[in-house]
Amino acid sequence: MRRRTCWASSLLLTVVVLSGCAGAPDGTSGADSPEAGDYSAAGPWAGEFAEAAAADLSDYQSRIIEDGEITAAELLEAQARASACMEDLGHRYTTSDDGRSESEPLPGHEDDGVDTVNGYMVRCSGTYDSTVTQLFNEIRRNPEKQDEAEISVACLRAAGLVDRGYTERRWRDEYDAGVFSFDEWSADAVQCREDPLGLWRDR
């Protein structure tokens, strides 16, 4: 039995979904170019809410984000709907607290192949939870939207993964290149990536 895994981006640079992980389905919301002021309840994340609303966002997700807030209950409901959608297509679909999603065929259902399953995930997650999950996780890990390089480097230093000579500029360069000078998959590095301020994630 094959299991397919999809990771959400750790840093929300633009409110888009990762190719092959999630995307906007047909029949999306046609709201007129929202502005950050329309989502003042989102505080420093209002711009990202506006960008999400202006993109090809599904009607269901648009209704969730329209008040500038995403509650834990709304997140769980959205993810449950995405899972039910996948189950209707013969696949179990789960999303963990850190945004990682997995899909595997239900018992008695054959593997439909990578492209087909990815299409299912685009359809189901894009309809119900892709952007909602992304925004919720980004706000939870950095509610005041502090500088990513600053909080990441501070966390890496505190964890002993880098020394004081490791600068924020170097972190940005390594992030842009997608290659880090430390073990990015060590437990401490994952902690710094997913919860640099130590606000929610258990080690």
Protein backbone atom coordinates (compact mmCIF):
# COMPACT_ATOMS: atom_id res chain seq x y z
CA MET A 1 0.00 0.00 0.00
CA ARG A 2 1.45 3.32 -1.01
CA ARG A 3 1.13 6.42 1.12
CA ARG A 4 1.49 9.85 -0.40
CA THR A 5 2.67 12.74 1.71
CA CYS A 6 2.37 16.45 1.09
CA TRP A 7 4.00 19.19 3.14
CA ALA A 8 2.66 22.72 3.40
CA SER A 9 5.19 25.48 3.02
CA SER A 10 6.70 26.62 6.30
CA LEU A 11 6.76 30.27 5.28
CA LEU A 12 3.76 31.97 3.76
CA LEU A 13 5.43 34.22 1.22
CA THR A 14 2.30 34.37 -0.94
CA VAL A 15 -1.02 32.75 -0.33
CA VAL A 16 -0.75 30.02 -2.86
CA VAL A 17 -0.91 26.27 -2.61
CA LEU A 18 1.92 23.97 -3.47
CA SER A 19 1.78 22.32 -6.85
CA GLY A 20 0.56 18.77 -6.47
CA CYS A 21 -0.51 19.34 -2.87
CA ALA A 22 -3.56 21.54 -3.10
CA GLY A 23 -5.12 24.08 -5.38
CA ALA A 24 -8.23 25.99 -6.24
CA PRO A 25 -10.93 23.91 -7.94
CA ASP A 26 -13.42 24.97 -10.56
CA GLY A 27 -16.30 27.13 -9.39
CA THR A 28 -14.28 29.49 -7.23
CA SER A 29 -15.31 32.72 -5.57
CA GLY A 30 -15.52 35.76 -7.80
CA ALA A 31 -15.24 38.50 -5.17
CA ASP A 32 -13.90 41.88 -6.31
CA SER A 33 -10.25 42.41 -5.34
CA PRO A 34 -10.46 42.57 -1.53
CA GLU A 35 -8.08 44.86 0.33
CA ALA A 36 -6.25 44.34 3.61
CA GLY A 37 -8.63 46.75 5.34
CA ASP A 38 -11.46 44.33 4.70
CA TYR A 39 -9.74 41.83 7.01
CA SER A 40 -8.70 44.08 9.90
CA ALA A 41 -9.51 41.31 12.39
CA ALA A 42 -6.53 39.41 11.00
CA GLY A 43 -4.17 42.09 12.30
CA PRO A 44 -0.72 41.89 10.69
CA TRP A 45 -1.93 39.02 8.52
CA ALA A 46 -4.72 41.06 6.88
CA GLY A 47 -2.75 41.37 3.65
CA GLU A 48 -2.45 37.60 3.34
CA PHE A 49 -6.18 37.19 3.90
CA ALA A 50 -6.85 39.74 1.16
CA GLU A 51 -4.45 37.97 -1.21
CA ALA A 52 -6.16 34.66 -0.51
CA ALA A 53 -9.60 36.13 -1.12
CA ALA A 54 -8.47 37.74 -4.37
CA ALA A 55 -7.04 34.45 -5.65
CA ASP A 56 -9.07 31.58 -7.06
CA LEU A 57 -10.34 30.55 -3.64
CA SER A 58 -13.28 28.20 -3.28
CA ASP A 59 -16.58 29.54 -1.99
CA TYR A 60 -16.33 27.35 1.11
CA GLN A 61 -12.91 28.67 2.11
CA SER A 62 -13.91 32.23 1.21
CA ARG A 63 -16.74 32.06 3.74
CA ILE A 64 -14.34 30.91 6.44
CA ILE A 65 -11.81 33.69 5.98
CA GLU A 66 -14.25 36.52 5.26
CA ASP A 67 -14.28 37.71 8.89
CA GLY A 68 -10.48 37.80 9.11
CA GLU A 69 -10.33 34.94 11.58
CA ILE A 70 -9.95 31.18 11.39
CA THR A 71 -10.99 29.32 14.51
CA ALA A 72 -9.75 25.89 15.52
CA ALA A 73 -13.28 24.57 15.02
CA GLU A 74 -13.43 25.98 11.49
CA LEU A 75 -10.06 24.42 10.70
CA LEU A 76 -11.12 20.99 11.94
CA GLU A 77 -14.40 21.16 10.02
CA ALA A 78 -12.60 22.16 6.82
CA GLN A 79 -10.10 19.35 7.18
CA ALA A 80 -12.87 16.86 7.96
CA ARG A 81 -14.66 17.86 4.76
CA ALA A 82 -11.47 17.42 2.75
CA SER A 83 -11.01 13.97 4.29
CA ALA A 84 -14.61 12.99 3.51
CA CYS A 85 -14.13 14.16 -0.08
CA MET A 86 -11.05 11.95 -0.42
CA GLU A 87 -12.81 8.99 1.16
CA ASP A 88 -15.56 9.30 -1.44
CA LEU A 89 -12.78 8.85 -4.01
CA GLY A 90 -11.42 5.77 -2.24
CA HIS A 91 -8.56 7.28 -0.22
CA ARG A 92 -7.94 7.97 3.44
CA TYR A 93 -6.67 11.54 3.88
CA THR A 94 -5.31 13.00 7.10
CA THR A 95 -3.70 16.32 8.02
CA SER A 96 -1.41 16.57 11.04
CA ASP A 97 -0.98 19.55 13.35
CA ASP A 98 2.09 20.75 11.47
CA GLY A 99 0.24 20.88 8.15
CA ARG A 100 1.56 17.62 6.72
CA SER A 101 -1.08 15.65 4.87
CA GLU A 102 -1.05 12.00 3.90
CA SER A 103 -3.18 9.93 1.58
CA GLU A 104 -3.44 6.17 1.17
CA PRO A 105 -5.96 3.89 -0.53
CA LEU A 106 -8.81 2.63 1.61
CA PRO A 107 -8.91 -1.14 2.17
CA GLY A 108 -10.00 -2.87 -1.01
CA HIS A 109 -9.28 0.16 -3.18
CA GLU A 110 -6.41 -0.03 -5.62
CA ASP A 111 -3.76 2.67 -5.83
CA ASP A 112 -4.89 5.07 -8.56
CA GLY A 113 -1.41 6.34 -9.36
CA VAL A 114 0.45 9.50 -8.44
CA ASP A 115 -1.12 11.87 -10.95
CA THR A 116 -4.66 10.74 -10.25
CA VAL A 117 -4.27 10.87 -6.47
CA ASN A 118 -2.64 14.29 -6.68
CA GLY A 119 -5.63 15.41 -8.72
CA TYR A 120 -7.93 14.13 -5.99
CA MET A 121 -5.95 16.08 -3.39
CA VAL A 122 -6.07 19.25 -5.47
CA ARG A 123 -9.81 18.91 -5.82
CA CYS A 124 -10.65 18.05 -2.21
CA SER A 125 -8.12 20.14 -0.31
CA GLY A 126 -8.50 23.03 -2.73
CA THR A 127 -12.24 23.03 -2.16
CA TYR A 128 -12.19 22.78 1.60
CA ASP A 129 -8.99 23.37 3.51
CA SER A 130 -5.77 24.19 1.65
CA THR A 131 -5.64 27.95 2.25
CA VAL A 132 -7.49 27.73 5.56
CA THR A 133 -4.90 25.28 6.90
CA GLN A 134 -2.03 27.35 5.53
CA LEU A 135 -3.20 30.63 7.04
CA PHE A 136 -4.12 29.04 10.38
CA ASN A 137 -0.70 27.43 10.74
CA GLU A 138 1.22 30.54 9.75
CA ILE A 139 -0.67 32.75 12.18
CA ARG A 140 -0.27 30.22 14.98
CA ARG A 141 3.51 29.99 14.56
CA ASN A 142 4.06 33.74 14.18
CA PRO A 143 0.96 35.68 15.30
CA GLU A 144 2.62 39.11 15.22
CA LYS A 145 4.24 38.38 11.85
CA GLN A 146 7.74 39.04 13.11
CA ASP A 147 10.64 38.92 10.68
CA GLU A 148 11.15 35.29 9.67
CA ALA A 149 14.92 35.49 9.46
CA GLU A 150 15.14 37.08 12.89
CA ILE A 151 12.99 34.55 14.72
CA SER A 152 14.42 31.59 12.81
CA VAL A 153 18.05 32.48 13.49
CA ALA A 154 17.30 33.19 17.15
CA CYS A 155 15.72 29.75 17.47
CA LEU A 156 18.56 28.00 15.64
CA ARG A 157 21.13 29.69 17.87
CA ALA A 158 19.23 28.79 21.03
CA ALA A 159 19.06 25.18 19.86
CA GLY A 160 22.81 25.12 19.25
CA LEU A 161 22.42 24.37 15.55
CA VAL A 162 24.32 27.51 14.50
CA ASP A 163 26.70 29.86 16.25
CA ARG A 164 26.49 33.62 16.64
CA GLY A 165 28.40 34.07 13.40
CA TYR A 166 25.41 32.68 11.51
CA THR A 167 23.56 35.78 10.33
CA GLU A 168 20.03 36.52 9.24
CA ARG A 169 21.35 37.35 5.78
CA ARG A 170 22.94 33.91 5.56
CA TRP A 171 19.68 32.28 6.63
CA ARG A 172 17.83 34.17 3.88
CA ASP A 173 20.41 33.13 1.30
CA GLU A 174 20.20 29.49 2.37
CA TYR A 175 16.41 29.59 2.45
CA ASP A 176 16.28 31.03 -1.06
CA ALA A 177 18.70 28.35 -2.26
CA GLY A 178 16.84 25.59 -0.45
CA VAL A 179 20.09 24.28 1.02
CA PHE A 180 21.04 24.82 4.65
CA SER A 181 24.41 24.49 6.36
CA PHE A 182 22.81 22.60 9.28
CA ASP A 183 20.74 19.43 9.37
CA GLU A 184 17.34 20.86 8.46
CA TRP A 185 15.58 17.59 9.34
CA SER A 186 16.94 17.25 12.85
CA ALA A 187 14.35 17.50 15.61
CA ASP A 188 15.58 20.93 16.68
CA ALA A 189 15.62 22.28 13.12
CA VAL A 190 12.07 21.07 12.49
CA GLN A 191 11.02 22.70 15.75
CA CYS A 192 12.54 26.00 14.66
CA ARG A 193 10.90 25.78 11.26
CA GLU A 194 7.43 24.87 12.47
CA ASP A 195 7.35 26.75 15.78
CA PRO A 196 10.28 29.20 16.01
CA LEU A 197 8.74 31.12 18.91
CA GLY A 198 7.86 28.00 20.91
CA LEU A 199 4.15 28.84 21.00
CA TRP A 200 2.35 25.59 20.25
CA ARG A 201 4.34 22.57 19.14
CA ASP A 202 5.39 19.80 21.51
CA ARG A 203 8.85 18.52 20.81
